[in-house]
Amino acid sequence: MLTTTKTISINGTSTVDVNGVKTPVTYFNAQIQSDGKYNINQSVQNVELYKENKDVVKADYDEFEAYVETFTE
């Protein structure tokens, strides 16, 4: 018997400017189920930049989560 589910996948990247170049610090990924349940994963790509820019990354995470929640309403 086939069972199917529908999910939405959303990806985001938190970047900082390093010598005029947008450099990825953290990647975000969200999976949203058809019933509105969701999870968000965060993957730090540059630990040094993450430590130096935690406030930026946390603000980006909050913005990402708010965006994800628009798909659960």
N, C-alpha and C. Protein backbone atom coordinates (compact mmCIF):
# COMPACT_ATOMS: atom_id res chain seq x y z
N MET A 1 0.85 -1.17 0.00
CA MET A 1 0.00 0.00 0.00
C MET A 1 0.90 1.24 0.00
N LEU A 2 0.63 2.14 -0.87
CA LEU A 2 1.40 3.38 -0.98
C LEU A 2 0.85 4.43 -0.03
N THR A 3 1.75 5.03 0.73
CA THR A 3 1.40 6.17 1.57
C THR A 3 2.28 7.33 1.13
N THR A 4 1.68 8.47 0.91
CA THR A 4 2.45 9.63 0.48
C THR A 4 2.25 10.78 1.46
N THR A 5 3.25 11.63 1.51
CA THR A 5 3.15 12.84 2.32
C THR A 5 3.70 14.00 1.51
N LYS A 6 3.18 15.15 1.81
CA LYS A 6 3.64 16.37 1.15
C LYS A 6 4.44 17.18 2.17
N THR A 7 5.63 17.59 1.79
CA THR A 7 6.43 18.46 2.65
C THR A 7 6.95 19.63 1.82
N ILE A 8 7.21 20.71 2.51
CA ILE A 8 7.81 21.88 1.89
C ILE A 8 9.20 22.02 2.49
N SER A 9 10.18 22.23 1.64
CA SER A 9 11.56 22.43 2.10
C SER A 9 11.98 23.86 1.81
N ILE A 10 12.52 24.52 2.83
CA ILE A 10 12.97 25.90 2.68
C ILE A 10 14.41 25.98 3.16
N ASN A 11 15.25 26.65 2.39
CA ASN A 11 16.66 26.81 2.74
C ASN A 11 17.01 28.29 2.84
N GLY A 12 17.95 28.59 3.72
CA GLY A 12 18.42 29.97 3.88
C GLY A 12 19.89 29.98 4.24
N THR A 13 20.53 31.10 4.04
CA THR A 13 21.94 31.26 4.36
C THR A 13 22.16 32.57 5.09
N SER A 14 22.86 32.50 6.22
CA SER A 14 23.26 33.70 6.95
C SER A 14 24.67 34.04 6.49
N THR A 15 24.84 35.25 5.96
CA THR A 15 26.14 35.66 5.45
C THR A 15 26.61 36.93 6.14
N VAL A 16 27.92 37.14 6.11
CA VAL A 16 28.52 38.39 6.57
C VAL A 16 29.48 38.87 5.50
N ASP A 17 29.71 40.16 5.50
CA ASP A 17 30.62 40.76 4.53
C ASP A 17 32.06 40.64 5.04
N VAL A 18 32.90 39.97 4.24
CA VAL A 18 34.33 39.84 4.56
C VAL A 18 35.11 40.39 3.38
N ASN A 19 35.71 41.55 3.57
CA ASN A 19 36.49 42.20 2.51
C ASN A 19 35.68 42.38 1.23
N GLY A 20 34.42 42.77 1.39
CA GLY A 20 33.56 43.03 0.23
C GLY A 20 32.93 41.80 -0.37
N VAL A 21 33.10 40.65 0.26
CA VAL A 21 32.54 39.40 -0.26
C VAL A 21 31.55 38.83 0.75
N LYS A 22 30.33 38.53 0.29
CA LYS A 22 29.35 37.89 1.17
C LYS A 22 29.81 36.46 1.44
N THR A 23 30.10 36.18 2.70
CA THR A 23 30.64 34.88 3.09
C THR A 23 29.62 34.12 3.92
N PRO A 24 29.31 32.88 3.52
CA PRO A 24 28.34 32.09 4.29
C PRO A 24 28.89 31.76 5.68
N VAL A 25 28.05 31.95 6.68
CA VAL A 25 28.41 31.60 8.05
C VAL A 25 27.60 30.39 8.49
N THR A 26 26.31 30.43 8.25
CA THR A 26 25.40 29.37 8.69
C THR A 26 24.33 29.12 7.63
N TYR A 27 24.03 27.84 7.44
CA TYR A 27 22.93 27.45 6.56
C TYR A 27 21.75 27.02 7.41
N PHE A 28 20.55 27.36 6.96
CA PHE A 28 19.33 26.95 7.62
C PHE A 28 18.51 26.09 6.66
N ASN A 29 17.84 25.07 7.20
CA ASN A 29 16.97 24.23 6.41
C ASN A 29 15.73 23.93 7.24
N ALA A 30 14.57 24.07 6.63
CA ALA A 30 13.31 23.75 7.31
C ALA A 30 12.52 22.76 6.46
N GLN A 31 11.87 21.85 7.16
CA GLN A 31 10.94 20.91 6.54
C GLN A 31 9.58 21.14 7.18
N ILE A 32 8.59 21.40 6.34
CA ILE A 32 7.24 21.66 6.83
C ILE A 32 6.32 20.54 6.34
N GLN A 33 5.66 19.89 7.28
CA GLN A 33 4.73 18.82 6.93
C GLN A 33 3.38 19.40 6.54
N SER A 34 2.58 18.58 5.92
CA SER A 34 1.27 19.06 5.45
C SER A 34 0.35 19.45 6.60
N ASP A 35 0.60 18.94 7.81
CA ASP A 35 -0.24 19.30 8.95
C ASP A 35 0.28 20.55 9.68
N GLY A 36 1.33 21.18 9.15
CA GLY A 36 1.85 22.42 9.72
C GLY A 36 3.01 22.23 10.68
N LYS A 37 3.30 20.99 11.07
CA LYS A 37 4.45 20.75 11.93
C LYS A 37 5.72 21.01 11.12
N TYR A 38 6.74 21.55 11.81
CA TYR A 38 7.98 21.83 11.09
C TYR A 38 9.19 21.65 11.99
N ASN A 39 10.34 21.47 11.35
CA ASN A 39 11.60 21.49 12.08
C ASN A 39 12.59 22.34 11.31
N ILE A 40 13.50 22.94 12.04
CA ILE A 40 14.53 23.79 11.45
C ILE A 40 15.89 23.28 11.89
N ASN A 41 16.78 23.10 10.94
CA ASN A 41 18.15 22.70 11.23
C ASN A 41 19.08 23.85 10.88
N GLN A 42 20.15 23.95 11.64
CA GLN A 42 21.15 25.00 11.44
C GLN A 42 22.51 24.33 11.33
N SER A 43 23.29 24.72 10.33
CA SER A 43 24.61 24.15 10.13
C SER A 43 25.63 25.28 10.04
N VAL A 44 26.52 25.36 11.03
CA VAL A 44 27.54 26.41 11.06
C VAL A 44 28.66 26.01 10.11
N GLN A 45 28.97 26.88 9.15
CA GLN A 45 29.99 26.60 8.15
C GLN A 45 31.34 27.22 8.48
N ASN A 46 31.33 28.29 9.26
CA ASN A 46 32.57 28.97 9.61
C ASN A 46 32.48 29.35 11.09
N VAL A 47 33.11 28.55 11.94
CA VAL A 47 32.98 28.72 13.39
C VAL A 47 33.53 30.06 13.84
N GLU A 48 34.66 30.48 13.29
CA GLU A 48 35.25 31.76 13.67
C GLU A 48 34.32 32.92 13.36
N LEU A 49 33.78 32.96 12.14
CA LEU A 49 32.85 34.02 11.78
C LEU A 49 31.56 33.92 12.59
N TYR A 50 31.14 32.70 12.89
CA TYR A 50 29.94 32.53 13.71
C TYR A 50 30.13 33.17 15.08
N LYS A 51 31.25 32.87 15.71
CA LYS A 51 31.52 33.42 17.04
C LYS A 51 31.59 34.94 17.01
N GLU A 52 32.14 35.49 15.94
CA GLU A 52 32.28 36.94 15.82
C GLU A 52 30.96 37.63 15.46
N ASN A 53 30.01 36.88 14.92
CA ASN A 53 28.77 37.47 14.40
C ASN A 53 27.52 36.77 14.90
N LYS A 54 27.56 36.28 16.14
CA LYS A 54 26.41 35.55 16.67
C LYS A 54 25.13 36.37 16.62
N ASP A 55 25.24 37.68 16.87
CA ASP A 55 24.04 38.52 16.85
C ASP A 55 23.41 38.55 15.46
N VAL A 56 24.24 38.59 14.43
CA VAL A 56 23.74 38.60 13.05
C VAL A 56 23.07 37.26 12.73
N VAL A 57 23.75 36.17 13.09
CA VAL A 57 23.22 34.85 12.79
C VAL A 57 21.91 34.61 13.54
N LYS A 58 21.86 35.01 14.80
CA LYS A 58 20.63 34.83 15.58
C LYS A 58 19.48 35.65 14.99
N ALA A 59 19.76 36.85 14.53
CA ALA A 59 18.73 37.68 13.89
C ALA A 59 18.27 37.02 12.59
N ASP A 60 19.21 36.48 11.83
CA ASP A 60 18.85 35.79 10.59
C ASP A 60 18.01 34.54 10.87
N TYR A 61 18.37 33.82 11.94
CA TYR A 61 17.58 32.64 12.33
C TYR A 61 16.15 33.05 12.65
N ASP A 62 16.00 34.10 13.44
CA ASP A 62 14.66 34.58 13.80
C ASP A 62 13.86 34.96 12.55
N GLU A 63 14.53 35.62 11.62
CA GLU A 63 13.86 36.01 10.36
C GLU A 63 13.48 34.76 9.56
N PHE A 64 14.38 33.78 9.52
CA PHE A 64 14.11 32.54 8.80
C PHE A 64 12.92 31.81 9.42
N GLU A 65 12.90 31.72 10.74
CA GLU A 65 11.81 31.03 11.42
C GLU A 65 10.47 31.74 11.16
N ALA A 66 10.48 33.05 11.20
CA ALA A 66 9.25 33.81 10.92
C ALA A 66 8.77 33.52 9.49
N TYR A 67 9.70 33.42 8.55
CA TYR A 67 9.33 33.11 7.17
C TYR A 67 8.73 31.71 7.08
N VAL A 68 9.36 30.75 7.75
CA VAL A 68 8.85 29.37 7.75
C VAL A 68 7.42 29.33 8.31
N GLU A 69 7.20 30.07 9.38
CA GLU A 69 5.88 30.07 10.02
C GLU A 69 4.78 30.60 9.11
N THR A 70 5.12 31.41 8.11
CA THR A 70 4.10 31.89 7.19
C THR A 70 3.49 30.75 6.37
N PHE A 71 4.18 29.63 6.28
CA PHE A 71 3.67 28.47 5.54
C PHE A 71 2.85 27.54 6.41
N THR A 72 2.76 27.84 7.71
CA THR A 72 2.02 26.96 8.61
C THR A 72 0.69 27.56 9.04
N GLU A 73 0.37 28.73 8.56
CA GLU A 73 -0.86 29.42 8.96
C GLU A 73 -2.03 28.98 8.10
